[in-house]
């Protein structure tokens, strides 16, 4: 089952998310919809789109299936993989609908607070261009226990890169630690991590005299 292409209004790629990251994104989207004043009226989220409680359950189910598959049981892995296209589809439909409604009603606040990063068109200016948030951040395991590699697409004008790392609640800024700066954006080696622990990662860069925003958050269980 293919995931529909998202409208070019928000920056998000569900296919590049880890299984655990996808589950947490869906739960966050559901919580954002449940608390957003723009979606409180009866019928404000039309059928067949899922209501926040049902969407949250989809996300929780995907998180549970992902954790069950951590033991490398092939049946659990197959069950997790079977859930993924369903999880992606429901999240994609809601993100597309939220984007369409935001444009139709000319109300950017409808996507605020939902864990979605709006695409901001480049302003025409004679001022030097600033560095942008790194895109396509990814993590992979090393052959050595407690060691991973972080990579991201190169950012134009960036001179150094910082890696944020978190093993607690990623929504709390105090849970994050900073590693760097690094003079490269590919295969940044992080060592001394706890095997079996789930970590959250994000990347920012510095260049053109300014510091970029943080990238999207990714997750990885360290081996």
N, C-alpha and C. Protein backbone atom coordinates (compact mmCIF):
# COMPACT_ATOMS: atom_id res chain seq x y z
N UNK A 1 0.86 -1.18 0.00
CA UNK A 1 0.00 0.00 0.00
C UNK A 1 0.90 1.24 0.00
N UNK A 2 0.81 2.06 -0.99
CA UNK A 2 1.68 3.22 -1.11
C UNK A 2 1.16 4.37 -0.27
N UNK A 3 2.08 5.13 0.32
CA UNK A 3 1.70 6.31 1.07
C UNK A 3 1.51 7.46 0.10
N UNK A 4 0.41 8.20 0.25
CA UNK A 4 0.14 9.32 -0.63
C UNK A 4 1.17 10.41 -0.42
N UNK A 5 1.48 11.15 -1.47
CA UNK A 5 2.41 12.28 -1.37
C UNK A 5 1.74 13.42 -0.61
N UNK A 6 2.46 13.95 0.38
CA UNK A 6 1.91 15.05 1.17
C UNK A 6 1.92 16.34 0.36
N UNK A 7 0.97 17.19 0.63
CA UNK A 7 0.95 18.50 0.00
C UNK A 7 2.20 19.28 0.38
N UNK A 8 2.65 20.12 -0.52
CA UNK A 8 3.87 20.88 -0.29
C UNK A 8 3.61 22.08 0.62
N UNK A 9 2.96 21.84 1.75
CA UNK A 9 2.66 22.90 2.70
C UNK A 9 3.44 22.67 3.99
N UNK A 10 3.63 21.43 4.34
CA UNK A 10 4.41 21.09 5.52
C UNK A 10 5.57 20.20 5.11
N UNK A 11 6.61 20.20 5.94
CA UNK A 11 7.79 19.40 5.68
C UNK A 11 7.74 18.14 6.54
N UNK A 12 7.49 17.00 5.91
CA UNK A 12 7.45 15.74 6.65
C UNK A 12 7.58 14.59 5.67
N UNK A 13 8.25 13.55 6.09
CA UNK A 13 8.39 12.35 5.25
C UNK A 13 8.23 11.13 6.15
N UNK A 14 7.04 10.56 6.14
CA UNK A 14 6.76 9.43 7.02
C UNK A 14 7.61 8.22 6.68
N UNK A 15 7.90 8.03 5.40
CA UNK A 15 8.66 6.85 5.00
C UNK A 15 10.07 6.83 5.56
N UNK A 16 10.64 8.01 5.81
CA UNK A 16 11.99 8.07 6.34
C UNK A 16 12.04 7.94 7.86
N UNK A 17 10.88 7.92 8.51
CA UNK A 17 10.86 7.79 9.96
C UNK A 17 11.14 6.34 10.36
N UNK A 18 11.80 6.18 11.50
CA UNK A 18 11.92 4.84 12.06
C UNK A 18 10.53 4.37 12.50
N UNK A 19 10.39 3.08 12.78
CA UNK A 19 9.10 2.57 13.24
C UNK A 19 8.69 3.26 14.53
N UNK A 20 9.64 3.39 15.47
CA UNK A 20 9.32 4.02 16.74
C UNK A 20 9.02 5.50 16.54
N UNK A 21 9.80 6.16 15.67
CA UNK A 21 9.56 7.57 15.40
C UNK A 21 8.19 7.81 14.79
N UNK A 22 7.77 6.91 13.90
CA UNK A 22 6.45 7.03 13.29
C UNK A 22 5.35 6.92 14.34
N UNK A 23 5.48 5.93 15.23
CA UNK A 23 4.47 5.76 16.27
C UNK A 23 4.35 6.99 17.15
N UNK A 24 5.50 7.55 17.56
CA UNK A 24 5.46 8.74 18.41
C UNK A 24 4.92 9.95 17.65
N UNK A 25 5.23 10.06 16.35
CA UNK A 25 4.69 11.16 15.56
C UNK A 25 3.17 11.10 15.51
N UNK A 26 2.62 9.90 15.28
CA UNK A 26 1.17 9.73 15.18
C UNK A 26 0.50 10.05 16.51
N UNK A 27 1.09 9.59 17.62
CA UNK A 27 0.53 9.91 18.94
C UNK A 27 0.57 11.42 19.17
N UNK A 28 1.67 12.06 18.78
CA UNK A 28 1.78 13.51 18.94
C UNK A 28 0.77 14.26 18.09
N UNK A 29 0.54 13.76 16.87
CA UNK A 29 -0.46 14.39 15.98
C UNK A 29 -1.85 14.26 16.59
N UNK A 30 -2.16 13.09 17.13
CA UNK A 30 -3.46 12.88 17.76
C UNK A 30 -3.65 13.79 18.97
N UNK A 31 -2.60 13.91 19.80
CA UNK A 31 -2.70 14.78 20.98
C UNK A 31 -2.85 16.24 20.56
N UNK A 32 -2.15 16.63 19.48
CA UNK A 32 -2.26 18.00 19.00
C UNK A 32 -3.66 18.32 18.51
N UNK A 33 -4.26 17.38 17.77
CA UNK A 33 -5.63 17.58 17.29
C UNK A 33 -6.63 17.63 18.44
N UNK A 34 -6.40 16.78 19.43
CA UNK A 34 -7.33 16.72 20.57
C UNK A 34 -7.35 18.02 21.38
N UNK A 35 -6.21 18.70 21.43
CA UNK A 35 -6.13 19.92 22.25
C UNK A 35 -6.26 21.20 21.44
N UNK A 36 -6.25 21.11 20.11
CA UNK A 36 -6.29 22.30 19.26
C UNK A 36 -7.71 22.88 19.22
N UNK A 37 -7.88 24.18 19.48
CA UNK A 37 -9.23 24.76 19.48
C UNK A 37 -9.91 24.69 18.12
N UNK A 38 -9.14 24.55 17.05
CA UNK A 38 -9.75 24.51 15.73
C UNK A 38 -10.41 23.19 15.38
N UNK A 39 -10.25 22.18 16.25
CA UNK A 39 -10.79 20.85 15.94
C UNK A 39 -11.68 20.32 17.06
N UNK A 40 -12.25 21.23 17.86
CA UNK A 40 -13.07 20.81 19.00
C UNK A 40 -14.55 20.65 18.64
N UNK A 41 -15.02 21.38 17.63
CA UNK A 41 -16.45 21.34 17.30
C UNK A 41 -16.82 19.97 16.74
N UNK A 42 -18.03 19.48 17.06
CA UNK A 42 -18.48 18.19 16.49
C UNK A 42 -18.44 18.24 14.97
N UNK A 43 -17.87 17.21 14.38
CA UNK A 43 -17.79 17.13 12.93
C UNK A 43 -16.67 17.93 12.32
N UNK A 44 -15.81 18.55 13.15
CA UNK A 44 -14.71 19.34 12.60
C UNK A 44 -13.66 18.45 11.93
N UNK A 45 -13.60 17.18 12.32
CA UNK A 45 -12.76 16.19 11.62
C UNK A 45 -13.72 15.21 10.95
N UNK A 46 -13.94 15.35 9.65
CA UNK A 46 -15.00 14.58 8.98
C UNK A 46 -14.63 13.12 8.75
N UNK A 47 -15.65 12.28 8.67
CA UNK A 47 -15.49 10.89 8.26
C UNK A 47 -15.03 10.86 6.80
N UNK A 48 -14.10 9.96 6.42
CA UNK A 48 -13.60 8.79 7.15
C UNK A 48 -12.29 9.02 7.90
N UNK A 49 -11.91 10.28 8.11
CA UNK A 49 -10.70 10.55 8.87
C UNK A 49 -10.89 10.10 10.32
N UNK A 50 -9.80 9.60 10.91
CA UNK A 50 -9.89 9.13 12.29
C UNK A 50 -9.99 10.30 13.27
N UNK A 51 -10.77 10.11 14.32
CA UNK A 51 -10.82 11.06 15.40
C UNK A 51 -9.55 10.90 16.26
N UNK A 52 -9.19 11.92 17.05
CA UNK A 52 -7.92 11.87 17.80
C UNK A 52 -7.73 10.61 18.64
N UNK A 53 -8.78 10.15 19.35
CA UNK A 53 -8.61 8.96 20.19
C UNK A 53 -8.26 7.73 19.36
N UNK A 54 -8.94 7.58 18.22
CA UNK A 54 -8.66 6.43 17.36
C UNK A 54 -7.28 6.55 16.73
N UNK A 55 -6.88 7.75 16.34
CA UNK A 55 -5.55 7.95 15.76
C UNK A 55 -4.47 7.67 16.80
N UNK A 56 -4.70 8.14 18.03
CA UNK A 56 -3.73 7.87 19.09
C UNK A 56 -3.55 6.37 19.29
N UNK A 57 -4.65 5.62 19.25
CA UNK A 57 -4.56 4.18 19.43
C UNK A 57 -3.76 3.53 18.32
N UNK A 58 -3.92 4.04 17.08
CA UNK A 58 -3.12 3.54 15.95
C UNK A 58 -1.63 3.74 16.25
N UNK A 59 -1.27 4.94 16.74
CA UNK A 59 0.12 5.21 17.06
C UNK A 59 0.63 4.33 18.19
N UNK A 60 -0.18 4.16 19.24
CA UNK A 60 0.23 3.33 20.37
C UNK A 60 0.39 1.88 19.94
N UNK A 61 -0.49 1.41 19.06
CA UNK A 61 -0.38 0.05 18.55
C UNK A 61 0.93 -0.14 17.78
N UNK A 62 1.30 0.89 17.02
CA UNK A 62 2.55 0.78 16.24
C UNK A 62 3.76 0.79 17.16
N UNK A 63 3.72 1.60 18.22
CA UNK A 63 4.82 1.61 19.18
C UNK A 63 4.93 0.25 19.86
N UNK A 64 3.79 -0.31 20.28
CA UNK A 64 3.80 -1.61 20.95
C UNK A 64 4.32 -2.71 20.02
N UNK A 65 3.88 -2.68 18.75
CA UNK A 65 4.34 -3.69 17.79
C UNK A 65 5.83 -3.55 17.53
N UNK A 66 6.33 -2.31 17.52
CA UNK A 66 7.76 -2.07 17.30
C UNK A 66 8.58 -2.62 18.45
N UNK A 67 8.14 -2.36 19.66
CA UNK A 67 8.86 -2.87 20.83
C UNK A 67 8.81 -4.40 20.90
N UNK A 68 7.66 -4.98 20.49
CA UNK A 68 7.55 -6.44 20.49
C UNK A 68 8.49 -7.06 19.47
N UNK A 69 8.77 -6.32 18.38
CA UNK A 69 9.65 -6.84 17.33
C UNK A 69 11.12 -6.69 17.67
N UNK A 70 11.43 -6.00 18.78
CA UNK A 70 12.84 -5.79 19.14
C UNK A 70 13.54 -7.09 19.47
N UNK A 71 12.79 -8.12 19.83
CA UNK A 71 13.40 -9.41 20.13
C UNK A 71 13.77 -10.21 18.90
N UNK A 72 13.54 -9.62 17.72
CA UNK A 72 13.90 -10.24 16.43
C UNK A 72 13.09 -11.49 16.12
N UNK A 73 11.92 -11.62 16.76
CA UNK A 73 11.00 -12.70 16.40
C UNK A 73 10.37 -12.37 15.05
N UNK A 74 10.48 -13.30 14.09
CA UNK A 74 10.06 -12.97 12.73
C UNK A 74 8.55 -12.74 12.63
N UNK A 75 7.77 -13.38 13.50
CA UNK A 75 6.33 -13.16 13.47
C UNK A 75 5.99 -11.76 14.00
N UNK A 76 6.69 -11.33 15.04
CA UNK A 76 6.48 -9.99 15.57
C UNK A 76 6.92 -8.93 14.57
N UNK A 77 8.03 -9.19 13.89
CA UNK A 77 8.51 -8.25 12.88
C UNK A 77 7.50 -8.15 11.74
N UNK A 78 6.95 -9.29 11.32
CA UNK A 78 5.95 -9.29 10.25
C UNK A 78 4.69 -8.54 10.68
N UNK A 79 4.29 -8.69 11.95
CA UNK A 79 3.11 -7.99 12.44
C UNK A 79 3.35 -6.48 12.47
N UNK A 80 4.55 -6.08 12.90
CA UNK A 80 4.89 -4.65 12.90
C UNK A 80 4.89 -4.09 11.48
N UNK A 81 5.51 -4.82 10.56
CA UNK A 81 5.60 -4.35 9.17
C UNK A 81 4.23 -4.27 8.51
N UNK A 82 3.32 -5.16 8.92
CA UNK A 82 1.96 -5.12 8.35
C UNK A 82 1.19 -3.90 8.85
N UNK A 83 1.51 -3.43 10.05
CA UNK A 83 0.83 -2.26 10.59
C UNK A 83 1.31 -0.96 9.96
N UNK A 84 2.54 -0.94 9.50
CA UNK A 84 3.14 0.33 9.07
C UNK A 84 2.36 1.04 7.97
N UNK A 85 1.99 0.38 6.85
CA UNK A 85 1.26 1.11 5.82
C UNK A 85 -0.08 1.67 6.31
N UNK A 86 -0.72 0.98 7.24
CA UNK A 86 -1.99 1.46 7.79
C UNK A 86 -1.73 2.71 8.64
N UNK A 87 -0.68 2.65 9.46
CA UNK A 87 -0.33 3.80 10.30
C UNK A 87 0.02 5.00 9.44
N UNK A 88 0.84 4.78 8.41
CA UNK A 88 1.24 5.87 7.51
C UNK A 88 0.02 6.46 6.79
N UNK A 89 -0.88 5.59 6.33
CA UNK A 89 -2.03 6.05 5.56
C UNK A 89 -2.93 6.97 6.38
N UNK A 90 -3.27 6.56 7.59
CA UNK A 90 -4.16 7.38 8.42
C UNK A 90 -3.51 8.72 8.78
N UNK A 91 -2.21 8.68 9.09
CA UNK A 91 -1.51 9.93 9.41
C UNK A 91 -1.44 10.83 8.19
N UNK A 92 -1.15 10.26 7.03
CA UNK A 92 -1.03 11.04 5.80
C UNK A 92 -2.35 11.70 5.44
N UNK A 93 -3.45 10.96 5.55
CA UNK A 93 -4.77 11.51 5.22
C UNK A 93 -5.08 12.72 6.10
N UNK A 94 -4.76 12.62 7.40
CA UNK A 94 -5.05 13.72 8.31
C UNK A 94 -4.16 14.92 8.03
N UNK A 95 -2.87 14.68 7.74
CA UNK A 95 -1.97 15.78 7.44
C UNK A 95 -2.39 16.49 6.16
N UNK A 96 -2.79 15.72 5.15
CA UNK A 96 -3.26 16.32 3.89
C UNK A 96 -4.51 17.16 4.13
N UNK A 97 -5.43 16.63 4.92
CA UNK A 97 -6.69 17.34 5.16
C UNK A 97 -6.43 18.62 5.96
N UNK A 98 -5.58 18.54 6.98
CA UNK A 98 -5.23 19.72 7.77
C UNK A 98 -4.59 20.78 6.87
N UNK A 99 -3.72 20.34 5.95
CA UNK A 99 -3.06 21.28 5.05
C UNK A 99 -4.07 21.94 4.12
N UNK A 100 -4.98 21.14 3.57
CA UNK A 100 -6.00 21.69 2.65
C UNK A 100 -6.88 22.69 3.39
N UNK A 101 -7.30 22.34 4.59
CA UNK A 101 -8.17 23.24 5.36
C UNK A 101 -7.45 24.54 5.69
N UNK A 102 -6.16 24.43 6.03
CA UNK A 102 -5.38 25.62 6.36
C UNK A 102 -5.32 26.59 5.18
N UNK A 103 -5.15 26.04 3.96
CA UNK A 103 -5.09 26.88 2.77
C UNK A 103 -6.48 27.43 2.44
N UNK A 104 -7.49 26.56 2.48
CA UNK A 104 -8.84 26.98 2.11
C UNK A 104 -9.37 28.09 3.02
N UNK A 105 -9.02 28.02 4.30
CA UNK A 105 -9.50 29.02 5.26
C UNK A 105 -8.48 30.12 5.51
N UNK A 106 -7.34 30.03 4.80
CA UNK A 106 -6.26 31.02 4.96
C UNK A 106 -5.94 31.21 6.43
N UNK A 107 -5.72 30.07 7.12
CA UNK A 107 -5.51 30.10 8.57
C UNK A 107 -4.32 29.20 8.93
N UNK A 108 -3.09 29.74 8.93
CA UNK A 108 -1.91 28.92 9.26
C UNK A 108 -1.96 28.34 10.66
N UNK A 109 -2.77 28.92 11.55
CA UNK A 109 -2.83 28.40 12.92
C UNK A 109 -3.40 26.99 12.98
N UNK A 110 -4.08 26.56 11.91
CA UNK A 110 -4.67 25.22 11.90
C UNK A 110 -3.62 24.11 11.85
N UNK A 111 -2.39 24.45 11.46
CA UNK A 111 -1.33 23.43 11.47
C UNK A 111 -0.36 23.65 12.62
N UNK A 112 -0.54 24.73 13.36
CA UNK A 112 0.33 25.01 14.50
C UNK A 112 -0.01 24.08 15.66
N UNK A 113 1.00 23.60 16.35
CA UNK A 113 0.78 22.76 17.52
C UNK A 113 0.48 21.31 17.20
N UNK A 114 0.64 20.92 15.92
CA UNK A 114 0.34 19.53 15.54
C UNK A 114 1.61 18.73 15.25
N UNK A 115 2.77 19.28 15.56
CA UNK A 115 4.02 18.59 15.28
C UNK A 115 4.41 18.63 13.83
N UNK A 116 3.81 19.57 13.06
CA UNK A 116 4.10 19.71 11.64
C UNK A 116 4.92 20.98 11.43
N UNK A 117 5.94 20.88 10.60
CA UNK A 117 6.79 22.03 10.32
C UNK A 117 6.36 22.67 9.02
N UNK A 118 5.78 23.89 9.09
CA UNK A 118 5.33 24.53 7.85
C UNK A 118 6.50 24.83 6.93
N UNK A 119 6.26 24.72 5.62
CA UNK A 119 7.25 25.13 4.64
C UNK A 119 7.15 26.64 4.48
N UNK A 120 8.24 27.31 4.70
CA UNK A 120 8.26 28.77 4.60
C UNK A 120 8.94 29.15 3.29
N UNK A 121 8.22 29.81 2.38
CA UNK A 121 8.84 30.20 1.12
C UNK A 121 9.98 31.18 1.34
N UNK A 122 11.00 31.05 0.53
CA UNK A 122 12.15 31.93 0.66
C UNK A 122 11.76 33.36 0.30
N UNK A 123 12.08 34.27 1.17
CA UNK A 123 11.77 35.67 0.93
C UNK A 123 12.81 36.28 0.01
N UNK A 124 12.37 37.16 -0.87
CA UNK A 124 13.28 37.85 -1.75
C UNK A 124 13.95 38.97 -0.96
N UNK A 125 15.25 38.89 -0.85
CA UNK A 125 15.96 39.86 -0.04
C UNK A 125 17.38 39.98 -0.55
N UNK A 126 17.96 41.14 -0.34
CA UNK A 126 19.35 41.35 -0.71
C UNK A 126 20.30 40.89 0.39
N UNK A 127 19.73 40.51 1.54
CA UNK A 127 20.56 40.05 2.66
C UNK A 127 21.13 38.67 2.35
N UNK A 128 22.30 38.35 2.91
CA UNK A 128 22.89 37.03 2.68
C UNK A 128 21.96 35.92 3.17
N UNK A 129 21.94 34.82 2.47
CA UNK A 129 21.07 33.71 2.84
C UNK A 129 21.56 33.06 4.13
N UNK A 130 20.62 32.68 5.01
CA UNK A 130 20.95 31.99 6.25
C UNK A 130 21.02 30.50 6.00
N UNK A 131 21.66 29.79 6.91
CA UNK A 131 21.69 28.34 6.79
C UNK A 131 20.35 27.77 7.24
N UNK A 132 19.94 26.70 6.61
CA UNK A 132 18.66 26.07 6.92
C UNK A 132 18.88 24.85 7.80
N UNK A 133 17.81 24.35 8.38
CA UNK A 133 17.89 23.15 9.21
C UNK A 133 18.32 21.96 8.36
N UNK A 134 19.22 21.13 8.85
CA UNK A 134 19.63 19.94 8.10
C UNK A 134 18.43 19.05 7.78
N UNK A 135 18.46 18.44 6.60
CA UNK A 135 17.37 17.58 6.15
C UNK A 135 17.86 16.13 6.01
N UNK A 136 16.89 15.20 6.04
CA UNK A 136 17.18 13.79 5.81
C UNK A 136 18.20 13.26 6.81
N UNK A 137 17.99 13.56 8.08
CA UNK A 137 18.87 13.04 9.13
C UNK A 137 18.61 11.55 9.30
N UNK A 138 19.67 10.78 9.42
CA UNK A 138 19.52 9.33 9.56
C UNK A 138 20.61 8.80 10.47
N UNK A 139 20.34 7.65 11.07
CA UNK A 139 21.28 7.02 12.00
C UNK A 139 21.46 5.56 11.61
N UNK A 140 22.65 5.05 11.78
CA UNK A 140 22.89 3.63 11.51
C UNK A 140 23.84 3.07 12.55
N UNK A 141 23.75 1.77 12.77
CA UNK A 141 24.57 1.11 13.76
C UNK A 141 26.01 0.93 13.26
N UNK A 142 26.93 0.92 14.19
CA UNK A 142 28.31 0.58 13.91
C UNK A 142 28.52 -0.90 14.21
N UNK A 143 29.66 -1.42 13.82
CA UNK A 143 30.00 -2.80 14.18
C UNK A 143 30.36 -2.90 15.65
N UNK A 144 30.65 -1.76 16.28
CA UNK A 144 31.07 -1.75 17.67
C UNK A 144 29.88 -1.45 18.58
N UNK A 145 29.71 -2.18 19.68
CA UNK A 145 28.59 -1.93 20.60
C UNK A 145 28.65 -0.50 21.15
N UNK A 146 27.47 0.10 21.32
CA UNK A 146 27.40 1.44 21.88
C UNK A 146 27.89 2.53 20.96
N UNK A 147 27.99 2.23 19.68
CA UNK A 147 28.50 3.20 18.71
C UNK A 147 27.55 3.29 17.53
N UNK A 148 27.24 4.50 17.07
CA UNK A 148 26.41 4.69 15.90
C UNK A 148 26.99 5.80 15.03
N UNK A 149 26.44 5.94 13.83
CA UNK A 149 26.83 7.01 12.93
C UNK A 149 25.60 7.84 12.56
N UNK A 150 25.73 9.14 12.63
CA UNK A 150 24.67 10.08 12.24
C UNK A 150 25.09 10.76 10.94
N UNK A 151 24.17 10.85 9.98
CA UNK A 151 24.43 11.54 8.72
C UNK A 151 23.26 12.43 8.38
N UNK A 152 23.54 13.48 7.61
CA UNK A 152 22.50 14.36 7.12
C UNK A 152 22.93 14.93 5.78
N UNK A 153 21.99 15.41 5.01
CA UNK A 153 22.35 16.07 3.76
C UNK A 153 23.15 17.33 4.06
N UNK A 154 24.09 17.63 3.18
CA UNK A 154 24.92 18.82 3.36
C UNK A 154 24.08 20.08 3.22
N UNK A 155 24.31 21.03 4.11
CA UNK A 155 23.59 22.30 4.07
C UNK A 155 24.50 23.35 3.43
N UNK A 156 23.98 24.05 2.45
CA UNK A 156 24.75 25.09 1.78
C UNK A 156 25.20 26.15 2.78
N UNK A 157 26.47 26.52 2.73
CA UNK A 157 27.10 27.54 3.58
C UNK A 157 27.39 27.05 4.99
N UNK A 158 27.00 25.83 5.33
CA UNK A 158 27.28 25.32 6.68
C UNK A 158 28.75 25.00 6.83
N UNK A 159 29.32 25.36 7.98
CA UNK A 159 30.74 25.09 8.25
C UNK A 159 30.91 24.00 9.31
N UNK A 160 30.01 23.96 10.28
CA UNK A 160 30.08 22.93 11.32
C UNK A 160 28.67 22.42 11.63
N UNK A 161 28.61 21.24 12.27
CA UNK A 161 27.34 20.60 12.61
C UNK A 161 27.37 20.18 14.08
N UNK A 162 26.24 20.37 14.77
CA UNK A 162 26.07 19.90 16.14
C UNK A 162 25.04 18.78 16.15
N UNK A 163 25.22 17.81 17.04
CA UNK A 163 24.26 16.73 17.21
C UNK A 163 23.65 16.83 18.59
N UNK A 164 22.32 16.89 18.65
CA UNK A 164 21.60 16.83 19.92
C UNK A 164 21.24 15.40 20.21
N UNK A 165 21.39 14.97 21.45
CA UNK A 165 21.11 13.59 21.83
C UNK A 165 20.26 13.58 23.10
N UNK A 166 19.28 12.68 23.13
CA UNK A 166 18.34 12.63 24.26
C UNK A 166 17.97 11.18 24.52
N UNK A 167 17.94 10.80 25.80
CA UNK A 167 17.49 9.45 26.16
C UNK A 167 16.29 9.51 27.10
N UNK A 168 15.75 10.72 27.26
CA UNK A 168 14.58 10.90 28.10
C UNK A 168 13.39 11.35 27.27
N UNK A 169 12.69 12.36 27.77
CA UNK A 169 11.53 12.90 27.08
C UNK A 169 12.00 13.94 26.07
N UNK A 170 11.87 13.67 24.76
CA UNK A 170 12.39 14.61 23.76
C UNK A 170 11.62 15.92 23.70
N UNK A 171 10.44 15.98 24.33
CA UNK A 171 9.68 17.23 24.33
C UNK A 171 10.19 18.22 25.37
N UNK A 172 11.08 17.77 26.25
CA UNK A 172 11.66 18.63 27.28
C UNK A 172 13.06 19.04 26.86
N UNK A 173 13.29 20.32 26.74
CA UNK A 173 14.59 20.81 26.27
C UNK A 173 15.72 20.40 27.21
N UNK A 174 15.41 20.30 28.51
CA UNK A 174 16.45 19.93 29.47
C UNK A 174 16.89 18.47 29.34
N UNK A 175 16.15 17.67 28.59
CA UNK A 175 16.54 16.26 28.39
C UNK A 175 17.64 16.10 27.35
N UNK A 176 17.95 17.17 26.62
CA UNK A 176 18.89 17.09 25.49
C UNK A 176 20.31 17.45 25.92
N UNK A 177 21.29 16.74 25.32
CA UNK A 177 22.70 17.07 25.45
C UNK A 177 23.23 17.43 24.07
N UNK A 178 24.32 18.17 24.03
CA UNK A 178 24.88 18.65 22.78
C UNK A 178 26.25 18.03 22.54
N UNK A 179 26.45 17.49 21.35
CA UNK A 179 27.74 16.93 20.94
C UNK A 179 28.24 17.70 19.72
N UNK A 180 29.52 17.99 19.68
CA UNK A 180 30.07 18.72 18.55
C UNK A 180 30.86 19.92 19.03
N UNK A 181 31.24 20.80 18.11
CA UNK A 181 30.87 20.79 16.68
C UNK A 181 31.69 19.78 15.87
N UNK A 182 31.11 19.36 14.75
CA UNK A 182 31.77 18.47 13.80
C UNK A 182 31.93 19.22 12.48
N UNK A 183 33.05 18.96 11.79
CA UNK A 183 33.30 19.67 10.54
C UNK A 183 32.79 18.91 9.31
N UNK A 184 31.96 17.87 9.55
CA UNK A 184 31.40 17.08 8.45
C UNK A 184 29.99 16.66 8.81
N UNK A 185 29.21 16.29 7.80
CA UNK A 185 27.81 15.94 8.05
C UNK A 185 27.51 14.48 7.72
N UNK A 186 28.48 13.73 7.28
CA UNK A 186 28.28 12.32 6.95
C UNK A 186 29.06 11.44 7.92
N UNK A 187 28.39 10.39 8.40
CA UNK A 187 29.02 9.41 9.30
C UNK A 187 29.70 10.08 10.50
N UNK A 188 28.93 10.91 11.19
CA UNK A 188 29.39 11.49 12.45
C UNK A 188 29.33 10.38 13.50
N UNK A 189 30.48 10.00 14.05
CA UNK A 189 30.55 8.85 14.96
C UNK A 189 30.23 9.28 16.39
N UNK A 190 29.26 8.59 17.00
CA UNK A 190 28.93 8.81 18.40
C UNK A 190 29.23 7.53 19.16
N UNK A 191 30.02 7.62 20.20
CA UNK A 191 30.43 6.44 20.96
C UNK A 191 29.99 6.57 22.41
N UNK A 192 30.14 5.47 23.14
CA UNK A 192 29.83 5.48 24.56
C UNK A 192 28.35 5.45 24.88
N UNK A 193 27.52 5.06 23.90
CA UNK A 193 26.08 4.99 24.13
C UNK A 193 25.73 3.66 24.81
N UNK A 194 24.60 3.64 25.49
CA UNK A 194 24.19 2.44 26.23
C UNK A 194 23.47 1.46 25.32
N UNK A 195 24.01 0.26 25.12
CA UNK A 195 23.33 -0.74 24.27
C UNK A 195 21.94 -1.06 24.81
N UNK A 196 20.98 -1.19 23.90
CA UNK A 196 19.60 -1.48 24.26
C UNK A 196 18.77 -0.26 24.58
N UNK A 197 19.40 0.89 24.71
CA UNK A 197 18.70 2.14 25.05
C UNK A 197 18.21 2.83 23.78
N UNK A 198 16.97 3.33 23.82
CA UNK A 198 16.45 4.14 22.73
C UNK A 198 16.90 5.58 22.91
N UNK A 199 17.51 6.13 21.88
CA UNK A 199 17.96 7.52 21.90
C UNK A 199 17.22 8.32 20.84
N UNK A 200 17.11 9.61 21.10
CA UNK A 200 16.58 10.56 20.12
C UNK A 200 17.72 11.45 19.65
N UNK A 201 17.71 11.80 18.37
CA UNK A 201 18.78 12.62 17.80
C UNK A 201 18.21 13.74 16.95
N UNK A 202 18.93 14.86 16.90
CA UNK A 202 18.60 15.96 16.01
C UNK A 202 19.91 16.65 15.64
N UNK A 203 19.91 17.39 14.55
CA UNK A 203 21.14 18.02 14.05
C UNK A 203 20.86 19.47 13.70
N UNK A 204 21.82 20.34 13.97
CA UNK A 204 21.77 21.72 13.50
C UNK A 204 23.15 22.07 12.94
N UNK A 205 23.24 23.18 12.27
CA UNK A 205 24.52 23.57 11.69
C UNK A 205 24.78 25.04 11.93
N UNK A 206 26.02 25.44 11.65
CA UNK A 206 26.42 26.84 11.80
C UNK A 206 27.15 27.27 10.54
N UNK A 207 26.80 28.44 10.03
CA UNK A 207 27.46 28.97 8.85
C UNK A 207 26.86 30.31 8.49
N UNK A 208 27.55 31.05 7.65
CA UNK A 208 27.10 32.39 7.23
C UNK A 208 26.84 33.29 8.44
N UNK A 209 27.56 32.99 9.54
CA UNK A 209 27.45 33.82 10.72
C UNK A 209 26.23 33.55 11.59
N UNK A 210 25.44 32.54 11.25
CA UNK A 210 24.23 32.24 12.02
C UNK A 210 24.13 30.75 12.29
N UNK A 211 23.28 30.41 13.23
CA UNK A 211 23.02 29.02 13.60
C UNK A 211 21.66 28.61 13.07
N UNK A 212 21.57 27.43 12.50
CA UNK A 212 20.30 26.98 11.91
C UNK A 212 19.35 26.49 12.97
N UNK A 213 18.06 26.33 12.62
CA UNK A 213 17.14 25.61 13.52
C UNK A 213 17.54 24.14 13.60
N UNK A 214 16.97 23.44 14.57
CA UNK A 214 17.21 22.00 14.68
C UNK A 214 16.47 21.26 13.57
N UNK A 215 17.00 20.14 13.20
CA UNK A 215 16.35 19.25 12.24
C UNK A 215 15.18 18.54 12.90
N UNK A 216 14.46 17.75 12.10
CA UNK A 216 13.46 16.84 12.66
C UNK A 216 14.16 15.82 13.55
N UNK A 217 13.43 15.30 14.53
CA UNK A 217 14.00 14.32 15.49
C UNK A 217 13.86 12.91 14.93
N UNK A 218 14.92 12.12 15.07
CA UNK A 218 14.88 10.71 14.69
C UNK A 218 15.20 9.88 15.93
N UNK A 219 14.90 8.58 15.86
CA UNK A 219 15.15 7.70 16.99
C UNK A 219 15.90 6.46 16.52
N UNK A 220 16.63 5.85 17.47
CA UNK A 220 17.33 4.60 17.17
C UNK A 220 17.61 3.88 18.49
N UNK A 221 17.39 2.57 18.49
CA UNK A 221 17.79 1.76 19.64
C UNK A 221 19.22 1.29 19.41
N UNK A 222 20.10 1.62 20.31
CA UNK A 222 21.52 1.33 20.15
C UNK A 222 21.77 -0.16 20.41
N UNK A 223 22.61 -0.75 19.60
CA UNK A 223 22.96 -2.16 19.76
C UNK A 223 24.26 -2.29 20.55
